[in-house]
Amino acid sequence: MNPYIQYMYSYPHKTAYRQMQADLRQYVHYLRGGGHGLYLHIPFCQARCGYCNLFSVAAQGKEAVNRYLDAVERQSGQYREILRPMETSFSSLTIGGGTPLYLTAEQLERMFCILEGHFSFAEERELAVETSPNQTTEEKLSVLKQAGATRISLGIQSFSDKELTALKRQHNGQKAREALERIKAFEFPCVNVDFIYGIPGQTCESLLDSLREADAYEPDEIFLYPLYVKQGVGMEREGTKPKPEEAFRQYEQGRRFLADKGFRQDSMRRFVRRRRNGRASEGTEDMVRRERSFSECGFGTSLALGCGGRSYLGDLHFCTPYAVTGSGCRASLEEYERTEDFSRITNGILLSEEEQKRRYVIRHLLIRPGLLIPRYRECFGTFPQEDFPILEEWVKKGFARAGGDGFLDLTDTGLGLSDFLGPKLISPEIRKAMDEWVLC
């Protein structure tokens, strides 16, 4: 069994989106008041990594970035007028990419001026920013500190130069160490570091070497990602094929190591450092599962700016057309920069109640503390096991369990199989649309 079928970080996948015609004003009521998320996509990178299937363009000059910020400013201005009657306030702001710190310090300052000048934020807003080692300078970190960044996520992937070369990353291990030291010196409230396992030539011990080194910096969170080599990426064109059995062994070793170091596992990928002493004692598995309080994420509203970001407004999900190849991303970027009316929605999907149920189950079951059954029934009037009998099969197989506290969640075994179990909840209609998507 291959445990690595698909990363279900959201549902449906963008490849299921299609051309449509709608107006943002029809859905802006979902953004009334506070509690919403704002996302800005920065699609620029120094170079395309060998495994990357995210929306990004490489090696763009300062003028290209400025053109993009010009478009973001136009979009923000139009959104401000649409949102004004709703008195919208955003409680979180996420800057993703790409590599947001590919921007110069001056461009970063302009970016924050655009956001602050056009949108209202809660006083205690969260501000998360992604970065890469080569772009993490003191000057740019100073801009993030001044902007009130609460979470910095650094894509290290490995401290091994050999493994970084296999991934076609542009930094080396020393650059990663220097970047992490700089970030720690600024004392951001939360620092996360990302690592990949299943890299060609990687072993369990070399993965543990990277994790030991990372742990010495005391990051607040560590994410472990399996290597995926998807259609259209550089490593796929070179014929690289991941070895799922070896990757799963590395995952098991990494998971145990982080547990021994006092990290709480919230999902297959996310490990959070506990603020108390070490690992939970034996016999307290229920306590470990419930350390993370329930946070509903099936109905969250989020508005995206830029090219490549995705918006969630009720039953409407929309974004610019999904692209993977360099030429496809550049074409989409150019079209975005030519856009005159950003209120027009031309690519997305409307979710039926059936698809909303699937999204709700996927979004909660794969993240601890799991799916709260009474809340599901309150939302949909049914029980999840009735709607999706496969959940009972997973309980019988030991992949999931229904606790007396009303939660249905994955066991440790099931959590490690999230990328195998999650895709089984994809509807036939969405699967068909994904399969029909044409690479661009």
Protein backbone atom coordinates (compact mmCIF):
# COMPACT_ATOMS: atom_id res chain seq x y z
CA MET A 1 0.00 0.00 0.00
CA ASN A 2 1.30 3.44 -0.96
CA PRO A 3 0.49 5.77 1.96
CA TYR A 4 1.18 8.87 -0.14
CA ILE A 5 -1.69 9.44 -2.55
CA GLN A 6 -2.55 13.12 -2.07
CA TYR A 7 -2.05 15.90 0.47
CA MET A 8 -5.59 16.92 1.53
CA TYR A 9 -4.86 20.37 2.95
CA SER A 10 -8.09 21.63 1.44
CA TYR A 11 -11.09 20.32 -0.46
CA PRO A 12 -11.86 20.37 -3.31
CA HIS A 13 -8.48 20.66 -5.00
CA LYS A 14 -7.99 23.56 -7.41
CA THR A 15 -7.85 21.13 -10.36
CA ALA A 16 -11.60 20.60 -9.83
CA TYR A 17 -12.33 24.31 -10.38
CA ARG A 18 -13.77 25.40 -13.70
CA GLN A 19 -14.67 28.56 -15.58
CA MET A 20 -17.65 30.38 -14.08
CA GLN A 21 -19.22 33.80 -13.96
CA ALA A 22 -20.00 35.46 -10.64
CA ASP A 23 -19.54 38.79 -8.90
CA LEU A 24 -17.82 39.24 -5.54
CA ARG A 25 -20.67 41.53 -4.47
CA GLN A 26 -23.01 38.54 -4.55
CA TYR A 27 -20.97 36.85 -1.82
CA VAL A 28 -19.52 39.73 0.17
CA HIS A 29 -22.12 39.25 2.93
CA TYR A 30 -20.05 36.26 4.07
CA LEU A 31 -17.37 38.81 5.05
CA ARG A 32 -19.60 40.87 7.32
CA GLY A 33 -18.01 41.94 10.60
CA GLY A 34 -14.91 40.30 12.06
CA GLY A 35 -13.18 36.94 12.27
CA HIS A 36 -12.09 36.50 8.65
CA GLY A 37 -8.77 35.65 7.05
CA LEU A 38 -6.88 37.66 4.42
CA TYR A 39 -4.29 35.93 2.26
CA LEU A 40 -1.77 37.55 -0.09
CA HIS A 41 0.10 35.36 -2.55
CA ILE A 42 3.59 36.45 -3.56
CA PRO A 43 4.40 34.23 -6.57
CA PHE A 44 8.12 34.97 -6.89
CA CYS A 45 11.05 32.67 -6.16
CA GLN A 46 14.78 32.69 -6.76
CA ALA A 47 14.36 29.44 -8.73
CA ARG A 48 11.83 26.64 -9.05
CA CYS A 49 12.58 23.76 -6.71
CA GLY A 50 12.56 20.32 -8.31
CA TYR A 51 9.42 19.17 -6.49
CA CYS A 52 7.43 22.43 -6.48
CA ASN A 53 3.90 22.40 -7.90
CA LEU A 54 2.88 25.66 -6.24
CA PHE A 55 2.04 28.80 -8.19
CA SER A 56 5.36 30.58 -8.64
CA VAL A 57 7.58 32.23 -11.23
CA ALA A 58 11.35 32.32 -10.96
CA ALA A 59 14.11 34.90 -11.35
CA GLN A 60 11.95 38.00 -11.87
CA GLY A 61 13.52 41.46 -11.61
CA LYS A 62 12.54 44.41 -9.49
CA GLU A 63 10.34 45.92 -12.19
CA ALA A 64 8.32 42.71 -12.51
CA VAL A 65 7.69 42.66 -8.77
CA ASN A 66 6.65 46.31 -8.83
CA ARG A 67 4.15 45.59 -11.63
CA TYR A 68 2.69 42.85 -9.48
CA LEU A 69 2.39 45.13 -6.46
CA ASP A 70 0.69 47.71 -8.69
CA ALA A 71 -1.94 45.09 -9.56
CA VAL A 72 -2.32 44.07 -5.92
CA GLU A 73 -2.88 47.71 -5.03
CA ARG A 74 -5.58 48.06 -7.70
CA GLN A 75 -7.25 44.88 -6.50
CA SER A 76 -7.08 46.03 -2.88
CA GLY A 77 -8.66 49.36 -3.77
CA GLN A 78 -11.58 47.68 -5.51
CA TYR A 79 -12.03 45.18 -2.66
CA ARG A 80 -12.00 48.00 -0.10
CA GLU A 81 -15.02 49.63 -1.75
CA ILE A 82 -16.87 46.32 -1.97
CA LEU A 83 -16.14 45.46 1.68
CA ARG A 84 -16.92 48.88 3.10
CA PRO A 85 -20.68 48.28 3.69
CA MET A 86 -19.87 45.01 5.49
CA GLU A 87 -17.51 46.70 7.98
CA THR A 88 -15.17 43.77 7.41
CA SER A 89 -12.34 43.17 9.87
CA PHE A 90 -9.70 40.49 9.34
CA SER A 91 -8.36 38.55 12.32
CA SER A 92 -5.54 36.91 10.39
CA LEU A 93 -3.21 37.89 7.57
CA THR A 94 -1.06 35.32 5.80
CA ILE A 95 1.66 36.14 3.28
CA GLY A 96 2.54 33.04 1.27
CA GLY A 97 4.16 32.09 -1.97
CA GLY A 98 6.40 31.61 -3.68
CA THR A 99 8.88 33.29 -1.42
CA PRO A 100 7.46 36.50 0.07
CA LEU A 101 10.89 37.66 1.19
CA TYR A 102 12.03 37.56 -2.43
CA LEU A 103 10.78 41.15 -2.32
CA THR A 104 13.27 43.82 -1.32
CA ALA A 105 12.83 45.47 2.07
CA GLU A 106 11.43 48.52 0.30
CA GLN A 107 8.92 46.38 -1.59
CA LEU A 108 7.92 44.61 1.61
CA GLU A 109 7.25 47.97 3.23
CA ARG A 110 5.11 48.97 0.27
CA MET A 111 3.25 45.65 0.48
CA PHE A 112 2.34 46.25 4.12
CA CYS A 113 1.33 49.83 3.36
CA ILE A 114 -1.07 48.54 0.71
CA LEU A 115 -2.60 46.05 3.12
CA GLU A 116 -2.86 48.43 6.06
CA GLY A 117 -4.21 51.22 3.88
CA HIS A 118 -7.01 49.21 2.32
CA PHE A 119 -8.15 46.69 4.93
CA SER A 120 -9.18 46.72 8.58
CA PHE A 121 -7.61 44.27 11.01
CA ALA A 122 -8.42 43.12 14.52
CA GLU A 123 -6.19 44.58 17.22
CA GLU A 124 -4.78 41.13 18.06
CA ARG A 125 -4.47 39.94 14.48
CA GLU A 126 -2.24 37.04 13.51
CA LEU A 127 0.37 37.72 10.83
CA ALA A 128 2.10 34.70 9.31
CA VAL A 129 4.86 34.99 6.70
CA GLU A 130 6.76 32.31 4.77
CA THR A 131 10.41 32.63 3.88
CA SER A 132 13.43 30.76 2.52
CA PRO A 133 17.02 30.82 3.84
CA ASN A 134 18.65 32.82 1.02
CA GLN A 135 16.09 35.62 1.31
CA THR A 136 16.06 35.90 5.11
CA THR A 137 18.09 39.02 5.85
CA GLU A 138 18.13 41.16 8.98
CA GLU A 139 16.77 44.12 7.03
CA LYS A 140 13.75 42.18 5.82
CA LEU A 141 13.15 40.59 9.22
CA SER A 142 13.14 44.09 10.69
CA VAL A 143 10.30 44.98 8.32
CA LEU A 144 8.36 41.90 9.45
CA LYS A 145 8.97 42.74 13.10
CA GLN A 146 7.75 46.29 12.57
CA ALA A 147 4.65 44.95 10.82
CA GLY A 148 3.85 42.79 13.85
CA ALA A 149 4.54 39.33 12.41
CA THR A 150 3.42 36.61 14.83
CA ARG A 151 4.56 33.53 12.89
CA ILE A 152 7.57 32.99 10.64
CA SER A 153 7.77 29.78 8.63
CA LEU A 154 11.19 28.88 7.24
CA GLY A 155 11.49 26.29 4.48
CA ILE A 156 14.70 24.47 5.35
CA GLN A 157 13.75 20.97 4.03
CA SER A 158 17.12 19.50 5.10
CA PHE A 159 20.45 20.54 6.61
CA SER A 160 22.22 18.09 4.28
CA ASP A 161 23.77 19.77 1.25
CA LYS A 162 23.48 16.49 -0.70
CA GLU A 163 19.75 16.27 -0.03
CA LEU A 164 19.21 19.94 -0.82
CA THR A 165 20.93 19.44 -4.16
CA ALA A 166 18.64 16.48 -4.91
CA LEU A 167 15.65 18.76 -4.27
CA LYS A 168 17.21 21.52 -6.39
CA ARG A 169 16.99 23.96 -3.51
CA GLN A 170 19.07 27.12 -3.94
CA HIS A 171 20.41 27.31 -0.38
CA ASN A 172 22.81 25.07 1.50
CA GLY A 173 22.81 23.87 5.09
CA GLN A 174 24.91 26.75 6.35
CA LYS A 175 22.55 29.32 4.83
CA ALA A 176 19.67 27.61 6.62
CA ARG A 177 21.51 27.75 9.95
CA GLU A 178 22.28 31.44 9.51
CA ALA A 179 18.68 32.24 8.56
CA LEU A 180 17.31 30.36 11.56
CA GLU A 181 19.71 32.15 13.89
CA ARG A 182 18.59 35.52 12.51
CA ILE A 183 14.92 34.66 12.91
CA LYS A 184 15.41 33.48 16.48
CA ALA A 185 17.24 36.68 17.36
CA PHE A 186 14.12 38.72 16.52
CA GLU A 187 12.03 36.73 19.03
CA PHE A 188 8.92 36.32 16.91
CA PRO A 189 6.07 34.71 18.90
CA CYS A 190 6.08 31.56 16.75
CA VAL A 191 8.86 30.13 14.56
CA ASN A 192 8.17 27.14 12.35
CA VAL A 193 10.62 25.15 10.24
CA ASP A 194 9.72 22.80 7.38
CA PHE A 195 11.49 19.55 6.49
CA ILE A 196 10.98 16.96 3.75
CA TYR A 197 11.43 13.20 4.00
CA GLY A 198 11.61 10.65 1.22
CA ILE A 199 14.34 12.62 -0.61
CA PRO A 200 16.48 10.52 -3.00
CA GLY A 201 19.54 9.39 -1.08
CA GLN A 202 18.05 10.32 2.30
CA THR A 203 18.10 7.80 5.16
CA CYS A 204 16.33 7.60 8.50
CA GLU A 205 19.52 8.68 10.19
CA SER A 206 20.13 11.67 7.92
CA LEU A 207 16.55 12.85 8.54
CA LEU A 208 17.11 12.50 12.28
CA ASP A 209 20.36 14.45 11.95
CA SER A 210 18.40 17.37 10.47
CA LEU A 211 15.72 17.12 13.16
CA ARG A 212 18.30 17.00 15.95
CA GLU A 213 19.94 20.11 14.58
CA ALA A 214 16.60 21.86 14.19
CA ASP A 215 15.54 20.96 17.73
CA ALA A 216 18.67 22.63 19.10
CA TYR A 217 17.27 25.97 17.85
CA GLU A 218 14.06 25.33 19.83
CA PRO A 219 11.52 26.18 17.11
CA ASP A 220 7.91 26.36 18.22
CA GLU A 221 6.72 24.10 15.41
CA ILE A 222 8.20 21.61 12.97
CA PHE A 223 6.41 20.43 9.85
CA LEU A 224 7.40 17.13 8.21
CA TYR A 225 6.35 16.84 4.57
CA PRO A 226 6.65 13.69 2.44
CA LEU A 227 8.24 14.29 -0.94
CA TYR A 228 5.67 14.39 -3.71
CA VAL A 229 6.78 14.45 -7.34
CA LYS A 230 3.71 15.65 -9.21
CA GLN A 231 2.97 16.06 -12.90
CA GLY A 232 4.86 18.91 -14.52
CA VAL A 233 7.55 19.50 -11.87
CA GLY A 234 11.28 19.32 -12.56
CA MET A 235 11.96 16.08 -10.71
CA GLU A 236 9.12 14.37 -12.59
CA ARG A 237 10.65 15.38 -15.92
CA GLU A 238 13.93 13.86 -14.76
CA GLY A 239 12.23 10.58 -13.89
CA THR A 240 12.53 10.81 -10.11
CA LYS A 241 10.19 8.38 -8.39
CA PRO A 242 9.75 8.53 -4.61
CA LYS A 243 10.03 5.31 -2.62
CA PRO A 244 6.96 5.25 -0.37
CA GLU A 245 8.10 2.39 1.88
CA GLU A 246 11.36 4.14 2.73
CA ALA A 247 9.56 7.46 3.18
CA PHE A 248 7.10 5.90 5.62
CA ARG A 249 9.95 4.43 7.68
CA GLN A 250 11.50 7.88 7.84
CA TYR A 251 8.18 9.37 8.91
CA GLU A 252 7.86 6.85 11.74
CA GLN A 253 11.40 7.58 12.94
CA GLY A 254 10.87 11.33 12.74
CA ARG A 255 7.52 11.17 14.52
CA ARG A 256 8.96 9.16 17.41
CA PHE A 257 11.96 11.45 17.70
CA LEU A 258 9.79 14.57 17.93
CA ALA A 259 7.48 12.92 20.47
CA ASP A 260 10.50 12.08 22.64
CA LYS A 261 11.60 15.71 22.37
CA GLY A 262 8.27 16.91 23.74
CA PHE A 263 6.44 17.81 20.54
CA ARG A 264 2.68 17.30 20.29
CA GLN A 265 1.50 15.88 16.96
CA ASP A 266 -1.52 17.79 15.66
CA SER A 267 -1.62 16.26 12.18
CA MET A 268 0.43 14.00 9.96
CA ARG A 269 2.68 16.98 9.25
CA ARG A 270 2.44 19.40 12.17
CA PHE A 271 4.40 18.98 15.41
CA VAL A 272 4.08 21.63 18.13
CA ARG A 273 6.53 22.06 20.99
CA ARG A 274 4.83 21.72 24.34
CA ARG A 275 5.15 24.53 26.83
CA ARG A 276 5.45 22.10 29.69
CA ASN A 277 7.97 19.46 30.55
CA GLY A 278 8.61 16.92 27.85
CA ARG A 279 6.51 14.08 26.61
CA ALA A 280 3.22 13.07 28.21
CA SER A 281 3.55 10.12 30.55
CA GLU A 282 2.48 6.61 29.62
CA GLY A 283 -1.24 5.92 29.74
CA THR A 284 -2.29 9.48 28.89
CA GLU A 285 -2.99 9.04 25.17
CA ASP A 286 -6.40 10.68 25.47
CA MET A 287 -4.84 13.74 27.06
CA VAL A 288 -2.26 13.98 24.29
CA ARG A 289 -4.99 13.78 21.63
CA ARG A 290 -7.01 16.53 23.27
CA GLU A 291 -4.21 18.95 24.12
CA ARG A 292 -5.16 20.99 21.08
CA SER A 293 -8.58 22.53 21.65
CA PHE A 294 -11.29 22.14 19.02
CA SER A 295 -11.23 24.90 16.41
CA GLU A 296 -13.86 24.79 13.72
CA CYS A 297 -12.34 25.19 10.27
CA GLY A 298 -14.96 23.85 7.89
CA PHE A 299 -16.81 27.12 7.39
CA GLY A 300 -14.02 29.69 7.66
CA THR A 301 -14.12 32.70 5.36
CA SER A 302 -10.96 33.83 3.65
CA LEU A 303 -10.32 36.39 0.94
CA ALA A 304 -7.25 36.13 -1.28
CA LEU A 305 -5.26 38.86 -3.00
CA GLY A 306 -2.83 38.41 -5.84
CA CYS A 307 -2.41 35.65 -8.39
CA GLY A 308 -2.53 32.07 -7.14
CA GLY A 309 -4.37 32.60 -3.85
CA ARG A 310 -7.69 30.97 -3.06
CA SER A 311 -10.81 32.52 -1.50
CA TYR A 312 -13.49 30.71 0.54
CA LEU A 313 -16.85 32.45 0.83
CA GLY A 314 -19.64 30.12 1.91
CA ASP A 315 -20.29 27.56 -0.80
CA LEU A 316 -18.09 29.47 -3.26
CA HIS A 317 -14.39 28.72 -3.65
CA PHE A 318 -12.46 30.64 -6.29
CA CYS A 319 -8.97 31.52 -7.50
CA THR A 320 -7.02 32.17 -10.66
CA PRO A 321 -6.76 29.03 -12.84
CA TYR A 322 -4.42 26.40 -11.40
CA ALA A 323 -1.05 26.25 -13.13
CA VAL A 324 2.14 24.30 -12.45
CA THR A 325 4.59 24.85 -15.29
CA GLY A 326 6.69 28.00 -15.53
CA SER A 327 4.98 29.06 -18.76
CA GLY A 328 1.53 28.42 -17.33
CA CYS A 329 2.25 30.44 -14.20
CA ARG A 330 3.71 33.33 -16.19
CA ALA A 331 0.68 33.43 -18.48
CA SER A 332 -1.69 33.50 -15.52
CA LEU A 333 0.39 36.20 -13.83
CA GLU A 334 0.30 38.39 -16.94
CA GLU A 335 -3.46 37.98 -17.20
CA TYR A 336 -3.85 38.95 -13.54
CA GLU A 337 -1.79 42.10 -14.06
CA ARG A 338 -4.01 43.07 -17.02
CA THR A 339 -7.22 42.65 -15.02
CA GLU A 340 -9.33 45.77 -14.79
CA ASP A 341 -12.31 44.52 -12.78
CA PHE A 342 -11.29 42.35 -9.85
CA SER A 343 -14.89 41.92 -8.67
CA ARG A 344 -15.48 39.45 -11.52
CA ILE A 345 -15.04 35.81 -10.51
CA THR A 346 -14.19 33.64 -13.51
CA ASN A 347 -12.72 30.42 -12.06
CA GLY A 348 -14.01 28.45 -9.12
CA ILE A 349 -16.56 26.00 -7.81
CA LEU A 350 -19.89 26.06 -5.97
CA LEU A 351 -20.10 23.34 -3.33
CA SER A 352 -23.28 21.31 -2.90
CA GLU A 353 -24.27 20.30 0.64
CA GLU A 354 -22.77 16.89 -0.07
CA GLU A 355 -19.41 18.45 -0.94
CA GLN A 356 -19.59 20.75 2.08
CA LYS A 357 -20.04 17.70 4.29
CA ARG A 358 -17.00 16.06 2.73
CA ARG A 359 -14.97 19.22 3.20
CA TYR A 360 -16.03 19.48 6.83
CA VAL A 361 -15.06 15.88 7.59
CA ILE A 362 -11.70 16.16 5.79
CA ARG A 363 -10.81 19.48 7.42
CA HIS A 364 -11.45 18.13 10.93
CA LEU A 365 -10.70 14.43 10.85
CA LEU A 366 -7.13 14.87 9.62
CA ILE A 367 -6.30 17.38 12.37
CA ARG A 368 -6.50 16.72 16.09
CA PRO A 369 -8.57 16.77 18.20
CA GLY A 370 -10.67 15.50 15.30
CA LEU A 371 -14.27 15.68 14.16
CA LEU A 372 -16.74 16.75 16.85
CA ILE A 373 -19.78 14.62 16.05
CA PRO A 374 -22.41 16.73 17.90
CA ARG A 375 -21.24 19.81 16.01
CA TYR A 376 -21.45 17.96 12.68
CA ARG A 377 -25.00 16.95 13.49
CA GLU A 378 -25.84 20.52 14.47
CA CYS A 379 -24.54 21.76 11.11
CA PHE A 380 -25.97 19.09 8.81
CA GLY A 381 -28.70 17.27 10.74
CA THR A 382 -27.07 13.85 10.30
CA PHE A 383 -24.24 11.80 11.75
CA PRO A 384 -20.94 11.59 9.82
CA GLN A 385 -20.87 7.79 10.06
CA GLU A 386 -24.29 7.70 8.36
CA ASP A 387 -23.18 9.98 5.55
CA PHE A 388 -19.82 8.27 5.13
CA PRO A 389 -19.94 4.58 6.17
CA ILE A 390 -16.22 4.31 5.37
CA LEU A 391 -15.58 6.04 8.69
CA GLU A 392 -16.92 2.99 10.54
CA GLU A 393 -14.63 0.78 8.45
CA TRP A 394 -11.68 2.88 9.58
CA VAL A 395 -12.70 2.46 13.21
CA LYS A 396 -12.84 -1.33 12.79
CA LYS A 397 -9.40 -1.33 11.13
CA GLY A 398 -7.87 0.76 13.91
CA PHE A 399 -7.33 3.83 11.73
CA ALA A 400 -9.90 5.93 13.63
CA ARG A 401 -11.74 5.85 16.92
CA ALA A 402 -14.93 7.32 18.34
CA GLY A 403 -14.37 8.52 21.88
CA GLY A 404 -16.90 9.02 24.63
CA ASP A 405 -16.23 12.75 24.48
CA GLY A 406 -18.01 13.06 21.13
CA PHE A 407 -14.91 13.18 18.94
CA LEU A 408 -14.10 10.98 15.99
CA ASP A 409 -10.38 11.17 15.27
CA LEU A 410 -7.55 9.26 13.69
CA THR A 411 -5.39 6.95 15.78
CA ASP A 412 -1.63 7.31 15.58
CA THR A 413 -1.68 4.68 12.84
CA GLY A 414 -4.43 6.48 10.96
CA LEU A 415 -2.71 9.84 11.32
CA GLY A 416 0.34 8.48 9.52
CA LEU A 417 -1.95 7.31 6.72
CA SER A 418 -3.71 10.67 6.27
CA ASP A 419 -2.59 11.00 2.65
CA PHE A 420 -4.06 7.55 1.94
CA LEU A 421 -7.29 7.88 3.90
CA GLY A 422 -8.19 11.49 3.06
CA PRO A 423 -8.39 10.96 -0.72
CA LYS A 424 -10.95 8.19 -0.16
CA LEU A 425 -13.40 10.91 0.88
CA ILE A 426 -13.19 12.65 -2.51
CA SER A 427 -16.54 12.42 -4.30
CA PRO A 428 -16.73 10.74 -7.74
CA GLU A 429 -17.72 14.07 -9.30
CA ILE A 430 -14.72 15.92 -7.88
CA ARG A 431 -12.39 13.05 -8.75
CA LYS A 432 -13.64 13.12 -12.34
CA ALA A 433 -13.05 16.88 -12.60
CA MET A 434 -9.53 16.50 -11.16
CA ASP A 435 -8.72 13.70 -13.59
CA GLU A 436 -9.90 15.83 -16.52
CA TRP A 437 -7.66 18.75 -15.60
CA VAL A 438 -5.05 19.50 -18.27
CA LEU A 439 -1.50 20.42 -17.24
CA CYS A 440 -0.65 24.08 -17.80
